[in-house]
Each structure stands twice: as C-alpha cells, then as structure tokens.
C-alpha cells in the first residue's frame, strides 16, 4: 500500500510547495524586521549581554 502511494506521488510538487512556503516565511520575517522600531531592536540586542553578566556574577 505504501509502495503504491509513494510511486503515485510526484515529488516535484512537494519541492515547489516547500520552496513557496520558505519564500513566504522569509518575506514575512524580513517585513517584520524592517517594521521593528529601533528601541525594541536595541532591547533585544542587549538580551545576550544581560544574560552573560548574570552568569559571571
């Protein structure tokens, strides 16, 4: 049953679908990043530094 199902499927369709999903997610992330205000970006950039200072103390 599984062998018949896998031989029936066209893998090219899945590759194109995966590429389209990747492109949509990538574009969404770029748009969200570009719309972020500078104060929020600075706070997120400092998260790593704040955590490393806690570990050293």
N, C-alpha and C. Protein backbone atom coordinates (compact mmCIF):
# COMPACT_ATOMS: atom_id res chain seq x y z
N UNK A 1 0.83 -1.20 0.00
CA UNK A 1 0.00 0.00 0.00
C UNK A 1 0.87 1.26 0.00
N UNK A 2 1.84 1.31 0.90
CA UNK A 2 2.70 2.50 0.97
C UNK A 2 3.54 2.62 -0.30
N UNK A 3 4.00 1.48 -0.82
CA UNK A 3 4.81 1.50 -2.04
C UNK A 3 4.01 2.06 -3.21
N UNK A 4 2.74 1.68 -3.30
CA UNK A 4 1.88 2.19 -4.37
C UNK A 4 1.66 3.70 -4.19
N UNK A 5 1.48 4.12 -2.96
CA UNK A 5 1.24 5.54 -2.68
C UNK A 5 2.48 6.37 -3.02
N UNK A 6 3.66 5.91 -2.63
CA UNK A 6 4.88 6.68 -2.91
C UNK A 6 5.20 6.69 -4.39
N UNK A 7 4.88 5.64 -5.10
CA UNK A 7 5.13 5.65 -6.55
C UNK A 7 4.14 6.56 -7.27
N UNK A 8 2.98 6.78 -6.68
CA UNK A 8 1.96 7.63 -7.28
C UNK A 8 2.28 9.12 -7.10
N UNK A 9 2.93 9.47 -6.00
CA UNK A 9 3.19 10.88 -5.68
C UNK A 9 4.25 11.48 -6.59
N UNK A 10 4.06 12.73 -6.91
CA UNK A 10 5.04 13.49 -7.70
C UNK A 10 5.83 14.37 -6.75
N UNK A 11 7.11 14.05 -6.55
CA UNK A 11 7.91 14.77 -5.57
C UNK A 11 8.24 16.20 -6.01
N UNK A 12 8.18 16.49 -7.28
CA UNK A 12 8.43 17.84 -7.77
C UNK A 12 7.43 18.84 -7.20
N UNK A 13 6.20 18.41 -7.02
CA UNK A 13 5.16 19.27 -6.47
C UNK A 13 5.51 19.65 -5.02
N UNK A 14 6.00 18.68 -4.26
CA UNK A 14 6.36 18.95 -2.87
C UNK A 14 7.56 19.89 -2.78
N UNK A 15 8.50 19.75 -3.69
CA UNK A 15 9.66 20.64 -3.70
C UNK A 15 9.23 22.08 -3.99
N UNK A 16 8.34 22.24 -4.93
CA UNK A 16 7.86 23.58 -5.26
C UNK A 16 7.04 24.17 -4.11
N UNK A 17 6.25 23.35 -3.46
CA UNK A 17 5.45 23.79 -2.31
C UNK A 17 6.37 24.20 -1.16
N UNK A 18 7.41 23.41 -0.90
CA UNK A 18 8.36 23.74 0.18
C UNK A 18 9.09 25.04 -0.13
N UNK A 19 9.46 25.25 -1.38
CA UNK A 19 10.13 26.49 -1.76
C UNK A 19 9.20 27.69 -1.60
N UNK A 20 7.94 27.54 -1.96
CA UNK A 20 6.98 28.62 -1.81
C UNK A 20 6.74 28.96 -0.34
N UNK A 21 6.64 27.93 0.51
CA UNK A 21 6.46 28.17 1.95
C UNK A 21 7.69 28.87 2.51
N UNK A 22 8.88 28.42 2.13
CA UNK A 22 10.11 29.07 2.60
C UNK A 22 10.14 30.53 2.19
N UNK A 23 9.79 30.81 0.94
CA UNK A 23 9.82 32.19 0.45
C UNK A 23 8.82 33.06 1.21
N UNK A 24 7.64 32.56 1.46
CA UNK A 24 6.63 33.33 2.20
C UNK A 24 7.08 33.63 3.62
N UNK A 25 7.64 32.63 4.29
CA UNK A 25 8.10 32.83 5.67
C UNK A 25 9.27 33.80 5.68
N UNK A 26 10.19 33.67 4.74
CA UNK A 26 11.34 34.56 4.67
C UNK A 26 10.90 36.01 4.46
N UNK A 27 9.97 36.23 3.55
CA UNK A 27 9.47 37.57 3.28
C UNK A 27 8.76 38.13 4.51
N UNK A 28 7.99 37.30 5.20
CA UNK A 28 7.30 37.75 6.41
C UNK A 28 8.29 38.17 7.49
N UNK A 29 9.36 37.41 7.65
CA UNK A 29 10.38 37.76 8.65
C UNK A 29 11.09 39.05 8.28
N UNK A 30 11.40 39.23 7.01
CA UNK A 30 12.06 40.46 6.57
C UNK A 30 11.17 41.66 6.80
N UNK A 31 9.89 41.54 6.46
CA UNK A 31 8.96 42.66 6.67
C UNK A 31 8.83 42.98 8.15
N UNK A 32 8.71 41.94 8.98
CA UNK A 32 8.59 42.19 10.42
C UNK A 32 9.85 42.85 10.98
N UNK A 33 11.00 42.42 10.50
CA UNK A 33 12.27 43.01 10.96
C UNK A 33 12.38 44.47 10.53
N UNK A 34 11.98 44.78 9.33
CA UNK A 34 12.08 46.16 8.84
C UNK A 34 11.08 47.08 9.54
N UNK A 35 9.97 46.54 10.01
CA UNK A 35 8.96 47.36 10.69
C UNK A 35 9.24 47.55 12.17
N UNK A 36 10.24 46.83 12.70
CA UNK A 36 10.55 46.91 14.13
C UNK A 36 11.15 48.29 14.45
N UNK A 37 10.73 48.86 15.58
CA UNK A 37 11.29 50.15 15.94
C UNK A 37 12.67 49.97 16.57
N UNK A 38 13.47 51.01 16.57
CA UNK A 38 14.86 50.90 16.98
C UNK A 38 15.00 50.60 18.48
N UNK A 39 14.09 51.10 19.30
CA UNK A 39 14.16 50.85 20.74
C UNK A 39 13.98 49.35 21.04
N UNK A 40 13.02 48.74 20.38
CA UNK A 40 12.79 47.32 20.57
C UNK A 40 13.98 46.49 20.08
N UNK A 41 14.57 46.90 18.97
CA UNK A 41 15.73 46.18 18.43
C UNK A 41 16.92 46.28 19.39
N UNK A 42 17.13 47.45 19.98
CA UNK A 42 18.23 47.61 20.93
C UNK A 42 18.01 46.75 22.17
N UNK A 43 16.77 46.70 22.66
CA UNK A 43 16.48 45.87 23.84
C UNK A 43 16.73 44.40 23.54
N UNK A 44 16.35 43.94 22.37
CA UNK A 44 16.57 42.55 22.02
C UNK A 44 18.05 42.25 21.83
N UNK A 45 18.80 43.19 21.31
CA UNK A 45 20.24 43.00 21.12
C UNK A 45 20.97 42.91 22.45
N UNK A 46 20.46 43.57 23.48
CA UNK A 46 21.12 43.56 24.79
C UNK A 46 20.77 42.34 25.63
N UNK A 47 19.84 41.52 25.21
CA UNK A 47 19.43 40.35 25.99
C UNK A 47 20.62 39.43 26.24
N UNK A 48 21.42 39.18 25.22
CA UNK A 48 22.56 38.27 25.36
C UNK A 48 23.57 38.84 26.34
N UNK A 49 23.81 40.14 26.27
CA UNK A 49 24.77 40.75 27.18
C UNK A 49 24.28 40.71 28.61
N UNK A 50 22.99 40.93 28.83
CA UNK A 50 22.43 40.90 30.17
C UNK A 50 22.55 39.50 30.78
N UNK A 51 22.30 38.47 29.98
CA UNK A 51 22.38 37.11 30.50
C UNK A 51 23.82 36.72 30.82
N UNK A 52 24.76 37.15 30.00
CA UNK A 52 26.16 36.79 30.29
C UNK A 52 26.67 37.51 31.53
N UNK A 53 26.18 38.71 31.82
CA UNK A 53 26.58 39.41 33.03
C UNK A 53 26.03 38.70 34.27
N UNK A 54 24.83 38.13 34.17
CA UNK A 54 24.23 37.39 35.30
C UNK A 54 25.03 36.13 35.58
N UNK A 55 25.50 35.46 34.54
CA UNK A 55 26.25 34.21 34.72
C UNK A 55 27.61 34.48 35.35
N UNK A 56 28.23 35.60 35.03
CA UNK A 56 29.55 35.91 35.56
C UNK A 56 29.49 36.34 37.02
N UNK A 57 28.38 36.91 37.43
CA UNK A 57 28.27 37.41 38.81
C UNK A 57 28.03 36.33 39.81
